Amino acid sequence: MLQLDDNHLRQIQAAKAGNREAFAQLVRSYKDFVYRTAYAILHDGAEAEDVVQESFVKAFLSLRSLRDERAFPSWISTIATRIALDIVKRRQVSWAPVSNSERLPAPSVNSDLRLDMEAALAQLSPEHRAVLVLREVQGFDYREIADILGIPIGTVRSRLHTARMQLRLRLLPPEQRGEPQ
C-alpha cells in the first residue's frame, strides 16, 4: 500500500478545496496503485484502465465528502474494488490466463512461477481474489478490507483463508493434488 506522507496529505487537502492541479498530482501518485487493484480482480488491462478512469472521476466528484485525508488510499481502493467487482458481476465469464503483455508486475518472482500464480489467481472467485489482492498485494489490514468490500471482518478472514488454501492447492504439482500427470 502507498504510504501517505505530508506531501500527499497537503495534495488531498488542496484537492478537497477545489485545486485541480493537486487532484491531478493525486491521480499521478495513485493511478498505478488503483490499476494494480483493478487488474488483479479483472485480469484485463483495458478494463483495469477503465476502472482507473472511473475511480478517479468518482473520487473527484465526491472528494469533499472524504472526512479523514489519511483514509484516502483505502477510500480510493474501495471505489476501484467496487467498480471492478461490478464489472465482474456484469460479465459473468470464466477467467482465462492472462497474456505476457498484461501480467501484474512482480519483479522478485521468476516468470514461470508468476504465470502459474496468475493462472491460479484467475481460477479464484472474484470475491476471493479481491480479498487476497487487497491483503497480499495492496497490504490492507482485515478491518480496512472489510470496510472496502462492505462485509464483516469474519467474512474477510474466511474468504482470505479459503483463497489462500485454493491458491496453495492450485500451485501444487498435479501429482501432489491427486491428479494424473
N, C-alpha and C. Protein backbone atom coordinates (compact mmCIF):
# COMPACT_ATOMS: atom_id res chain seq x y z
N MET A 1 0.85 -1.16 0.00
CA MET A 1 0.00 0.00 0.00
C MET A 1 0.90 1.23 0.00
N LEU A 2 0.45 2.27 -0.66
CA LEU A 2 1.21 3.52 -0.67
C LEU A 2 1.22 4.15 0.71
N GLN A 3 2.36 4.66 1.07
CA GLN A 3 2.46 5.35 2.35
C GLN A 3 2.05 6.81 2.16
N LEU A 4 1.21 7.26 3.04
CA LEU A 4 0.72 8.62 2.98
C LEU A 4 1.72 9.53 3.68
N ASP A 5 2.32 10.44 2.93
CA ASP A 5 3.27 11.37 3.54
C ASP A 5 2.62 12.76 3.62
N ASP A 6 3.35 13.70 4.21
CA ASP A 6 2.81 15.06 4.38
C ASP A 6 2.47 15.71 3.04
N ASN A 7 3.26 15.42 2.01
CA ASN A 7 3.00 15.99 0.69
C ASN A 7 1.66 15.49 0.15
N HIS A 8 1.39 14.18 0.29
CA HIS A 8 0.11 13.64 -0.17
C HIS A 8 -1.04 14.24 0.63
N LEU A 9 -0.85 14.39 1.93
CA LEU A 9 -1.91 14.99 2.75
C LEU A 9 -2.22 16.41 2.30
N ARG A 10 -1.18 17.18 2.00
CA ARG A 10 -1.40 18.55 1.51
C ARG A 10 -2.12 18.54 0.15
N GLN A 11 -1.75 17.59 -0.71
CA GLN A 11 -2.41 17.48 -2.01
C GLN A 11 -3.89 17.13 -1.84
N ILE A 12 -4.18 16.21 -0.93
CA ILE A 12 -5.57 15.82 -0.68
C ILE A 12 -6.37 17.01 -0.15
N GLN A 13 -5.80 17.73 0.80
CA GLN A 13 -6.47 18.90 1.36
C GLN A 13 -6.71 19.97 0.28
N ALA A 14 -5.69 20.20 -0.55
CA ALA A 14 -5.83 21.19 -1.61
C ALA A 14 -6.88 20.74 -2.64
N ALA A 15 -6.86 19.44 -2.97
CA ALA A 15 -7.85 18.92 -3.92
C ALA A 15 -9.26 19.05 -3.35
N LYS A 16 -9.41 18.78 -2.07
CA LYS A 16 -10.73 18.93 -1.43
C LYS A 16 -11.20 20.38 -1.49
N ALA A 17 -10.25 21.30 -1.46
CA ALA A 17 -10.59 22.73 -1.53
C ALA A 17 -10.84 23.18 -2.97
N GLY A 18 -10.71 22.27 -3.94
CA GLY A 18 -11.01 22.61 -5.32
C GLY A 18 -9.82 22.80 -6.22
N ASN A 19 -8.62 22.56 -5.74
CA ASN A 19 -7.41 22.72 -6.55
C ASN A 19 -7.27 21.53 -7.50
N ARG A 20 -7.51 21.78 -8.78
CA ARG A 20 -7.47 20.71 -9.78
C ARG A 20 -6.07 20.17 -10.01
N GLU A 21 -5.05 21.02 -9.92
CA GLU A 21 -3.68 20.55 -10.10
C GLU A 21 -3.29 19.60 -8.97
N ALA A 22 -3.74 19.88 -7.76
CA ALA A 22 -3.47 18.98 -6.63
C ALA A 22 -4.14 17.63 -6.88
N PHE A 23 -5.36 17.66 -7.42
CA PHE A 23 -6.04 16.40 -7.72
C PHE A 23 -5.30 15.65 -8.83
N ALA A 24 -4.81 16.38 -9.83
CA ALA A 24 -4.04 15.75 -10.91
C ALA A 24 -2.79 15.07 -10.35
N GLN A 25 -2.16 15.70 -9.36
CA GLN A 25 -0.99 15.10 -8.71
C GLN A 25 -1.38 13.81 -7.98
N LEU A 26 -2.54 13.82 -7.33
CA LEU A 26 -3.02 12.61 -6.66
C LEU A 26 -3.25 11.49 -7.67
N VAL A 27 -3.82 11.84 -8.80
CA VAL A 27 -4.05 10.85 -9.85
C VAL A 27 -2.72 10.24 -10.27
N ARG A 28 -1.73 11.09 -10.51
CA ARG A 28 -0.41 10.59 -10.91
C ARG A 28 0.20 9.71 -9.83
N SER A 29 0.01 10.05 -8.59
CA SER A 29 0.59 9.29 -7.49
C SER A 29 -0.10 7.95 -7.26
N TYR A 30 -1.40 7.90 -7.49
CA TYR A 30 -2.18 6.72 -7.12
C TYR A 30 -2.68 5.89 -8.30
N LYS A 31 -2.43 6.32 -9.54
CA LYS A 31 -3.01 5.59 -10.67
C LYS A 31 -2.48 4.16 -10.77
N ASP A 32 -1.19 3.94 -10.51
CA ASP A 32 -0.66 2.58 -10.57
C ASP A 32 -1.23 1.71 -9.46
N PHE A 33 -1.38 2.29 -8.28
CA PHE A 33 -1.99 1.60 -7.13
C PHE A 33 -3.40 1.15 -7.48
N VAL A 34 -4.19 2.03 -8.05
CA VAL A 34 -5.57 1.72 -8.42
C VAL A 34 -5.58 0.69 -9.56
N TYR A 35 -4.68 0.85 -10.53
CA TYR A 35 -4.61 -0.08 -11.65
C TYR A 35 -4.30 -1.50 -11.16
N ARG A 36 -3.30 -1.63 -10.27
CA ARG A 36 -2.94 -2.96 -9.76
C ARG A 36 -4.13 -3.61 -9.05
N THR A 37 -4.86 -2.83 -8.29
CA THR A 37 -6.03 -3.35 -7.60
C THR A 37 -7.06 -3.85 -8.62
N ALA A 38 -7.40 -3.02 -9.59
CA ALA A 38 -8.40 -3.38 -10.59
C ALA A 38 -7.93 -4.54 -11.46
N TYR A 39 -6.68 -4.51 -11.86
CA TYR A 39 -6.17 -5.57 -12.74
C TYR A 39 -6.17 -6.92 -12.04
N ALA A 40 -5.80 -6.92 -10.78
CA ALA A 40 -5.75 -8.18 -10.05
C ALA A 40 -7.14 -8.80 -9.93
N ILE A 41 -8.18 -8.00 -9.93
CA ILE A 41 -9.54 -8.51 -9.87
C ILE A 41 -10.04 -8.89 -11.26
N LEU A 42 -9.73 -8.08 -12.25
CA LEU A 42 -10.30 -8.25 -13.59
C LEU A 42 -9.46 -9.08 -14.56
N HIS A 43 -8.16 -9.05 -14.41
CA HIS A 43 -7.24 -9.72 -15.34
C HIS A 43 -7.44 -9.25 -16.78
N ASP A 44 -7.72 -7.99 -16.93
CA ASP A 44 -7.90 -7.40 -18.25
C ASP A 44 -7.38 -5.97 -18.18
N GLY A 45 -6.31 -5.70 -18.94
CA GLY A 45 -5.68 -4.40 -18.89
C GLY A 45 -6.59 -3.25 -19.30
N ALA A 46 -7.37 -3.45 -20.35
CA ALA A 46 -8.25 -2.38 -20.82
C ALA A 46 -9.34 -2.09 -19.80
N GLU A 47 -9.92 -3.14 -19.23
CA GLU A 47 -10.95 -2.93 -18.21
C GLU A 47 -10.35 -2.28 -16.96
N ALA A 48 -9.14 -2.68 -16.60
CA ALA A 48 -8.48 -2.08 -15.44
C ALA A 48 -8.25 -0.59 -15.67
N GLU A 49 -7.86 -0.22 -16.89
CA GLU A 49 -7.69 1.20 -17.23
C GLU A 49 -9.02 1.94 -17.11
N ASP A 50 -10.10 1.30 -17.56
CA ASP A 50 -11.42 1.92 -17.43
C ASP A 50 -11.78 2.13 -15.95
N VAL A 51 -11.43 1.15 -15.13
CA VAL A 51 -11.71 1.27 -13.69
C VAL A 51 -10.92 2.43 -13.10
N VAL A 52 -9.66 2.57 -13.52
CA VAL A 52 -8.84 3.68 -13.03
C VAL A 52 -9.52 5.01 -13.36
N GLN A 53 -9.92 5.17 -14.60
CA GLN A 53 -10.56 6.42 -15.01
C GLN A 53 -11.86 6.66 -14.24
N GLU A 54 -12.70 5.64 -14.17
CA GLU A 54 -13.98 5.80 -13.49
C GLU A 54 -13.77 6.06 -11.99
N SER A 55 -12.77 5.41 -11.41
CA SER A 55 -12.49 5.61 -9.98
C SER A 55 -12.10 7.05 -9.68
N PHE A 56 -11.25 7.61 -10.52
CA PHE A 56 -10.82 8.98 -10.26
C PHE A 56 -11.90 10.01 -10.59
N VAL A 57 -12.76 9.69 -11.53
CA VAL A 57 -13.91 10.58 -11.79
C VAL A 57 -14.81 10.59 -10.55
N LYS A 58 -15.13 9.40 -10.03
CA LYS A 58 -15.97 9.32 -8.83
C LYS A 58 -15.29 9.98 -7.65
N ALA A 59 -13.98 9.77 -7.53
CA ALA A 59 -13.24 10.39 -6.42
C ALA A 59 -13.30 11.91 -6.54
N PHE A 60 -13.11 12.43 -7.73
CA PHE A 60 -13.14 13.87 -7.94
C PHE A 60 -14.50 14.45 -7.54
N LEU A 61 -15.55 13.75 -7.94
CA LEU A 61 -16.91 14.24 -7.68
C LEU A 61 -17.30 14.16 -6.20
N SER A 62 -16.67 13.26 -5.46
CA SER A 62 -17.07 13.09 -4.06
C SER A 62 -15.95 13.34 -3.07
N LEU A 63 -14.85 13.92 -3.52
CA LEU A 63 -13.69 14.13 -2.65
C LEU A 63 -14.02 14.98 -1.44
N ARG A 64 -14.88 15.95 -1.61
CA ARG A 64 -15.22 16.82 -0.47
C ARG A 64 -15.90 16.06 0.67
N SER A 65 -16.48 14.90 0.35
CA SER A 65 -17.14 14.11 1.39
C SER A 65 -16.15 13.24 2.18
N LEU A 66 -14.90 13.18 1.73
CA LEU A 66 -13.89 12.41 2.45
C LEU A 66 -13.56 13.13 3.75
N ARG A 67 -13.89 12.51 4.87
CA ARG A 67 -13.71 13.16 6.17
C ARG A 67 -12.26 13.18 6.62
N ASP A 68 -11.59 12.04 6.50
CA ASP A 68 -10.23 11.91 7.00
C ASP A 68 -9.28 11.74 5.82
N GLU A 69 -8.43 12.71 5.59
CA GLU A 69 -7.50 12.66 4.46
C GLU A 69 -6.59 11.43 4.52
N ARG A 70 -6.29 10.96 5.73
CA ARG A 70 -5.42 9.80 5.88
C ARG A 70 -6.08 8.52 5.36
N ALA A 71 -7.38 8.55 5.17
CA ALA A 71 -8.11 7.40 4.66
C ALA A 71 -8.12 7.35 3.14
N PHE A 72 -7.47 8.31 2.48
CA PHE A 72 -7.54 8.37 1.02
C PHE A 72 -7.13 7.07 0.33
N PRO A 73 -6.01 6.42 0.70
CA PRO A 73 -5.66 5.17 0.00
C PRO A 73 -6.74 4.10 0.09
N SER A 74 -7.32 3.88 1.26
CA SER A 74 -8.36 2.86 1.37
C SER A 74 -9.66 3.34 0.70
N TRP A 75 -9.92 4.64 0.73
CA TRP A 75 -11.11 5.20 0.09
C TRP A 75 -11.05 5.00 -1.42
N ILE A 76 -9.92 5.34 -2.04
CA ILE A 76 -9.81 5.19 -3.50
C ILE A 76 -9.78 3.71 -3.88
N SER A 77 -9.21 2.88 -3.02
CA SER A 77 -9.21 1.43 -3.27
C SER A 77 -10.62 0.86 -3.17
N THR A 78 -11.40 1.39 -2.24
CA THR A 78 -12.79 0.96 -2.12
C THR A 78 -13.55 1.26 -3.40
N ILE A 79 -13.38 2.46 -3.90
CA ILE A 79 -14.05 2.86 -5.14
C ILE A 79 -13.64 1.92 -6.28
N ALA A 80 -12.35 1.71 -6.45
CA ALA A 80 -11.86 0.87 -7.55
C ALA A 80 -12.31 -0.58 -7.40
N THR A 81 -12.25 -1.11 -6.20
CA THR A 81 -12.63 -2.50 -5.97
C THR A 81 -14.10 -2.71 -6.29
N ARG A 82 -14.93 -1.80 -5.85
CA ARG A 82 -16.37 -1.95 -6.10
C ARG A 82 -16.70 -1.82 -7.59
N ILE A 83 -16.03 -0.91 -8.28
CA ILE A 83 -16.25 -0.78 -9.72
C ILE A 83 -15.81 -2.06 -10.42
N ALA A 84 -14.64 -2.58 -10.05
CA ALA A 84 -14.12 -3.81 -10.68
C ALA A 84 -15.05 -4.99 -10.41
N LEU A 85 -15.53 -5.12 -9.18
CA LEU A 85 -16.44 -6.23 -8.87
C LEU A 85 -17.76 -6.08 -9.60
N ASP A 86 -18.22 -4.86 -9.82
CA ASP A 86 -19.43 -4.64 -10.63
C ASP A 86 -19.21 -5.12 -12.06
N ILE A 87 -18.04 -4.86 -12.60
CA ILE A 87 -17.72 -5.34 -13.96
C ILE A 87 -17.74 -6.85 -14.00
N VAL A 88 -17.15 -7.48 -13.00
CA VAL A 88 -17.13 -8.94 -12.95
C VAL A 88 -18.55 -9.48 -12.90
N LYS A 89 -19.39 -8.89 -12.08
CA LYS A 89 -20.77 -9.34 -11.98
C LYS A 89 -21.51 -9.18 -13.31
N ARG A 90 -21.21 -8.11 -14.03
CA ARG A 90 -21.88 -7.87 -15.32
C ARG A 90 -21.44 -8.87 -16.39
N ARG A 91 -20.19 -9.23 -16.38
CA ARG A 91 -19.73 -10.09 -17.48
C ARG A 91 -19.88 -11.56 -17.20
N GLN A 92 -19.79 -12.00 -15.94
CA GLN A 92 -20.01 -13.39 -15.55
C GLN A 92 -19.43 -14.40 -16.54
N VAL A 93 -18.13 -14.29 -16.80
CA VAL A 93 -17.46 -15.25 -17.66
C VAL A 93 -16.35 -15.91 -16.87
N SER A 94 -15.90 -17.06 -17.35
CA SER A 94 -14.79 -17.72 -16.68
C SER A 94 -13.49 -17.01 -17.05
N TRP A 95 -12.55 -17.08 -16.15
CA TRP A 95 -11.27 -16.39 -16.32
C TRP A 95 -10.34 -17.23 -17.16
N ALA A 96 -9.59 -16.57 -18.03
CA ALA A 96 -8.56 -17.22 -18.83
C ALA A 96 -7.21 -16.69 -18.36
N PRO A 97 -6.15 -17.49 -18.48
CA PRO A 97 -4.83 -16.97 -18.11
C PRO A 97 -4.52 -15.72 -18.92
N VAL A 98 -3.80 -14.79 -18.31
CA VAL A 98 -3.50 -13.53 -18.96
C VAL A 98 -2.31 -13.65 -19.89
N SER A 99 -2.25 -12.75 -20.85
CA SER A 99 -1.14 -12.75 -21.78
C SER A 99 0.10 -12.13 -21.14
N ASN A 100 1.25 -12.36 -21.74
CA ASN A 100 2.50 -11.83 -21.21
C ASN A 100 2.49 -10.32 -21.12
N SER A 101 1.82 -9.64 -22.04
CA SER A 101 1.84 -8.18 -22.05
C SER A 101 0.98 -7.58 -20.95
N GLU A 102 0.10 -8.38 -20.33
CA GLU A 102 -0.80 -7.84 -19.34
C GLU A 102 -0.50 -8.31 -17.92
N ARG A 103 0.61 -8.95 -17.71
CA ARG A 103 0.90 -9.50 -16.39
C ARG A 103 1.06 -8.44 -15.33
N LEU A 104 0.62 -8.78 -14.13
CA LEU A 104 0.80 -7.93 -12.97
C LEU A 104 2.27 -7.92 -12.62
N PRO A 105 2.88 -6.77 -12.42
CA PRO A 105 4.30 -6.72 -12.14
C PRO A 105 4.66 -7.44 -10.85
N ALA A 106 5.68 -8.27 -10.93
CA ALA A 106 6.19 -8.97 -9.75
C ALA A 106 7.67 -9.24 -9.97
N PRO A 107 8.51 -8.21 -9.83
CA PRO A 107 9.90 -8.32 -10.22
C PRO A 107 10.71 -9.35 -9.46
N SER A 108 10.30 -9.73 -8.24
CA SER A 108 11.12 -10.65 -7.46
C SER A 108 10.74 -12.11 -7.69
N VAL A 109 9.74 -12.40 -8.50
CA VAL A 109 9.29 -13.76 -8.72
C VAL A 109 9.67 -14.18 -10.13
N ASN A 110 10.20 -15.42 -10.27
CA ASN A 110 10.57 -15.85 -11.62
C ASN A 110 9.34 -15.98 -12.50
N SER A 111 9.53 -15.87 -13.80
CA SER A 111 8.39 -15.75 -14.72
C SER A 111 7.51 -17.00 -14.75
N ASP A 112 8.06 -18.21 -14.63
CA ASP A 112 7.22 -19.40 -14.62
C ASP A 112 6.29 -19.42 -13.41
N LEU A 113 6.85 -19.11 -12.25
CA LEU A 113 6.03 -19.07 -11.05
C LEU A 113 4.98 -17.96 -11.15
N ARG A 114 5.36 -16.83 -11.73
CA ARG A 114 4.42 -15.72 -11.88
C ARG A 114 3.26 -16.14 -12.79
N LEU A 115 3.56 -16.84 -13.88
CA LEU A 115 2.49 -17.31 -14.77
C LEU A 115 1.59 -18.31 -14.06
N ASP A 116 2.19 -19.22 -13.29
CA ASP A 116 1.40 -20.18 -12.53
C ASP A 116 0.52 -19.45 -11.51
N MET A 117 1.08 -18.45 -10.86
CA MET A 117 0.35 -17.68 -9.86
C MET A 117 -0.83 -16.96 -10.51
N GLU A 118 -0.59 -16.35 -11.66
CA GLU A 118 -1.66 -15.63 -12.36
C GLU A 118 -2.77 -16.58 -12.78
N ALA A 119 -2.40 -17.75 -13.28
CA ALA A 119 -3.40 -18.73 -13.69
C ALA A 119 -4.20 -19.21 -12.48
N ALA A 120 -3.52 -19.45 -11.36
CA ALA A 120 -4.21 -19.89 -10.14
C ALA A 120 -5.13 -18.78 -9.61
N LEU A 121 -4.65 -17.54 -9.62
CA LEU A 121 -5.49 -16.42 -9.18
C LEU A 121 -6.73 -16.28 -10.06
N ALA A 122 -6.55 -16.50 -11.35
CA ALA A 122 -7.66 -16.36 -12.29
C ALA A 122 -8.76 -17.39 -12.02
N GLN A 123 -8.41 -18.50 -11.38
CA GLN A 123 -9.40 -19.53 -11.09
C GLN A 123 -10.19 -19.27 -9.81
N LEU A 124 -9.73 -18.31 -9.00
CA LEU A 124 -10.47 -17.96 -7.79
C LEU A 124 -11.72 -17.17 -8.13
N SER A 125 -12.69 -17.22 -7.27
CA SER A 125 -13.89 -16.40 -7.48
C SER A 125 -13.48 -14.93 -7.34
N PRO A 126 -14.23 -14.02 -7.94
CA PRO A 126 -13.89 -12.59 -7.80
C PRO A 126 -13.84 -12.14 -6.34
N GLU A 127 -14.73 -12.65 -5.51
CA GLU A 127 -14.75 -12.26 -4.10
C GLU A 127 -13.48 -12.70 -3.38
N HIS A 128 -13.05 -13.95 -3.64
CA HIS A 128 -11.83 -14.46 -3.01
C HIS A 128 -10.60 -13.74 -3.55
N ARG A 129 -10.60 -13.50 -4.85
CA ARG A 129 -9.46 -12.81 -5.47
C ARG A 129 -9.35 -11.38 -4.92
N ALA A 130 -10.47 -10.71 -4.76
CA ALA A 130 -10.44 -9.33 -4.26
C ALA A 130 -9.85 -9.28 -2.85
N VAL A 131 -10.28 -10.17 -1.98
CA VAL A 131 -9.77 -10.18 -0.60
C VAL A 131 -8.27 -10.48 -0.60
N LEU A 132 -7.87 -11.45 -1.39
CA LEU A 132 -6.45 -11.82 -1.45
C LEU A 132 -5.59 -10.67 -1.99
N VAL A 133 -6.05 -10.02 -3.02
CA VAL A 133 -5.30 -8.91 -3.61
C VAL A 133 -5.21 -7.73 -2.64
N LEU A 134 -6.32 -7.40 -2.01
CA LEU A 134 -6.31 -6.27 -1.07
C LEU A 134 -5.36 -6.54 0.10
N ARG A 135 -5.28 -7.79 0.53
CA ARG A 135 -4.41 -8.13 1.66
C ARG A 135 -2.95 -8.31 1.23
N GLU A 136 -2.71 -9.17 0.25
CA GLU A 136 -1.35 -9.58 -0.08
C GLU A 136 -0.65 -8.64 -1.06
N VAL A 137 -1.38 -8.02 -1.97
CA VAL A 137 -0.76 -7.12 -2.94
C VAL A 137 -0.78 -5.68 -2.44
N GLN A 138 -1.95 -5.24 -1.96
CA GLN A 138 -2.08 -3.84 -1.55
C GLN A 138 -1.73 -3.61 -0.08
N GLY A 139 -1.73 -4.66 0.75
CA GLY A 139 -1.28 -4.53 2.13
C GLY A 139 -2.30 -3.98 3.12
N PHE A 140 -3.58 -4.03 2.78
CA PHE A 140 -4.61 -3.55 3.71
C PHE A 140 -4.79 -4.56 4.85
N ASP A 141 -5.17 -4.05 6.03
CA ASP A 141 -5.45 -4.96 7.14
C ASP A 141 -6.90 -5.43 7.03
N TYR A 142 -7.28 -6.39 7.89
CA TYR A 142 -8.60 -7.01 7.79
C TYR A 142 -9.73 -5.99 7.92
N ARG A 143 -9.62 -5.07 8.85
CA ARG A 143 -10.65 -4.06 9.06
C ARG A 143 -10.82 -3.20 7.81
N GLU A 144 -9.69 -2.78 7.22
CA GLU A 144 -9.77 -1.96 6.00
C GLU A 144 -10.41 -2.73 4.86
N ILE A 145 -10.07 -4.01 4.74
CA ILE A 145 -10.67 -4.84 3.67
C ILE A 145 -12.17 -4.97 3.90
N ALA A 146 -12.55 -5.19 5.14
CA ALA A 146 -13.98 -5.29 5.47
C ALA A 146 -14.70 -4.01 5.08
N ASP A 147 -14.09 -2.87 5.39
CA ASP A 147 -14.70 -1.59 5.04
C ASP A 147 -14.76 -1.39 3.53
N ILE A 148 -13.69 -1.73 2.84
CA ILE A 148 -13.63 -1.56 1.38
C ILE A 148 -14.71 -2.39 0.70
N LEU A 149 -14.86 -3.64 1.13
CA LEU A 149 -15.80 -4.55 0.47
C LEU A 149 -17.20 -4.51 1.07
N GLY A 150 -17.34 -3.84 2.20
CA GLY A 150 -18.64 -3.76 2.84
C GLY A 150 -19.11 -5.10 3.39
N ILE A 151 -18.18 -5.88 3.95
CA ILE A 151 -18.51 -7.19 4.51
C ILE A 151 -17.96 -7.27 5.93
N PRO A 152 -18.48 -8.20 6.74
CA PRO A 152 -17.96 -8.35 8.10
C PRO A 152 -16.51 -8.84 8.10
N ILE A 153 -15.79 -8.50 9.16
CA ILE A 153 -14.38 -8.89 9.26
C ILE A 153 -14.22 -10.41 9.29
N GLY A 154 -15.19 -11.11 9.87
CA GLY A 154 -15.14 -12.57 9.87
C GLY A 154 -15.22 -13.14 8.45
N THR A 155 -15.99 -12.49 7.61
CA THR A 155 -16.09 -12.92 6.21
C THR A 155 -14.77 -12.68 5.49
N VAL A 156 -14.11 -11.57 5.82
CA VAL A 156 -12.79 -11.29 5.25
C VAL A 156 -11.83 -12.42 5.62
N ARG A 157 -11.80 -12.77 6.89
CA ARG A 157 -10.90 -13.83 7.36
C ARG A 157 -11.22 -15.16 6.68
N SER A 158 -12.49 -15.47 6.59
CA SER A 158 -12.91 -16.72 5.96
C SER A 158 -12.53 -16.76 4.48
N ARG A 159 -12.83 -15.67 3.77
CA ARG A 159 -12.51 -15.63 2.34
C ARG A 159 -11.00 -15.66 2.11
N LEU A 160 -10.27 -14.97 2.96
CA LEU A 160 -8.82 -14.96 2.82
C LEU A 160 -8.25 -16.35 3.06
N HIS A 161 -8.73 -17.03 4.08
CA HIS A 161 -8.27 -18.40 4.36
C HIS A 161 -8.59 -19.32 3.18
N THR A 162 -9.83 -19.24 2.70
CA THR A 162 -10.25 -20.07 1.57
C THR A 162 -9.42 -19.75 0.33
N ALA A 163 -9.22 -18.48 0.05
CA ALA A 163 -8.44 -18.07 -1.13
C ALA A 163 -7.01 -18.61 -1.04
N ARG A 164 -6.39 -18.48 0.12
CA ARG A 164 -5.02 -18.98 0.29
C ARG A 164 -4.96 -20.49 0.11
N MET A 165 -5.93 -21.20 0.67
CA MET A 165 -5.95 -22.66 0.54
C MET A 165 -6.16 -23.06 -0.93
N GLN A 166 -7.08 -22.41 -1.60
CA GLN A 166 -7.32 -22.73 -3.01
C GLN A 166 -6.09 -22.42 -3.85
N LEU A 167 -5.47 -21.29 -3.58
CA LEU A 167 -4.27 -20.90 -4.31
C LEU A 167 -3.15 -21.91 -4.07
N ARG A 168 -2.95 -22.28 -2.84
CA ARG A 168 -1.91 -23.26 -2.49
C ARG A 168 -2.16 -24.57 -3.22
N LEU A 169 -3.41 -25.04 -3.21
CA LEU A 169 -3.76 -26.29 -3.88
C LEU A 169 -3.50 -26.19 -5.38
N ARG A 170 -3.85 -25.08 -5.97
CA ARG A 170 -3.68 -24.92 -7.43
C ARG A 170 -2.21 -24.80 -7.82
N LEU A 171 -1.36 -24.39 -6.88
CA LEU A 171 0.06 -24.25 -7.20
C LEU A 171 0.86 -25.52 -6.94
N LEU A 172 0.22 -26.52 -6.34
CA LEU A 172 0.90 -27.80 -6.13
C LEU A 172 1.06 -28.52 -7.47
N PRO A 173 2.11 -29.32 -7.61
CA PRO A 173 2.23 -30.13 -8.83
C PRO A 173 1.04 -31.11 -8.91
N PRO A 174 0.63 -31.49 -10.13
CA PRO A 174 -0.55 -32.33 -10.30
C PRO A 174 -0.50 -33.63 -9.48
N GLU A 175 0.67 -34.24 -9.37
CA GLU A 175 0.75 -35.50 -8.62
C GLU A 175 0.49 -35.31 -7.12
N GLN A 176 0.77 -34.13 -6.60
CA GLN A 176 0.50 -33.84 -5.19
C GLN A 176 -0.96 -33.45 -4.96
N ARG A 177 -1.66 -33.08 -6.02
CA ARG A 177 -3.08 -32.74 -5.92
C ARG A 177 -3.93 -33.97 -6.10
N GLY A 178 -3.31 -35.11 -6.42
CA GLY A 178 -4.05 -36.33 -6.67
C GLY A 178 -4.57 -36.42 -8.09
N GLU A 179 -4.01 -35.61 -8.99
CA GLU A 179 -4.44 -35.62 -10.39
C GLU A 179 -3.43 -36.43 -11.21
N PRO A 180 -3.89 -37.04 -12.29
CA PRO A 180 -2.95 -37.74 -13.18
C PRO A 180 -2.03 -36.73 -13.85
N GLN A 181 -0.85 -37.18 -14.15
CA GLN A 181 0.14 -36.27 -14.77
C GLN A 181 -0.09 -36.04 -16.20
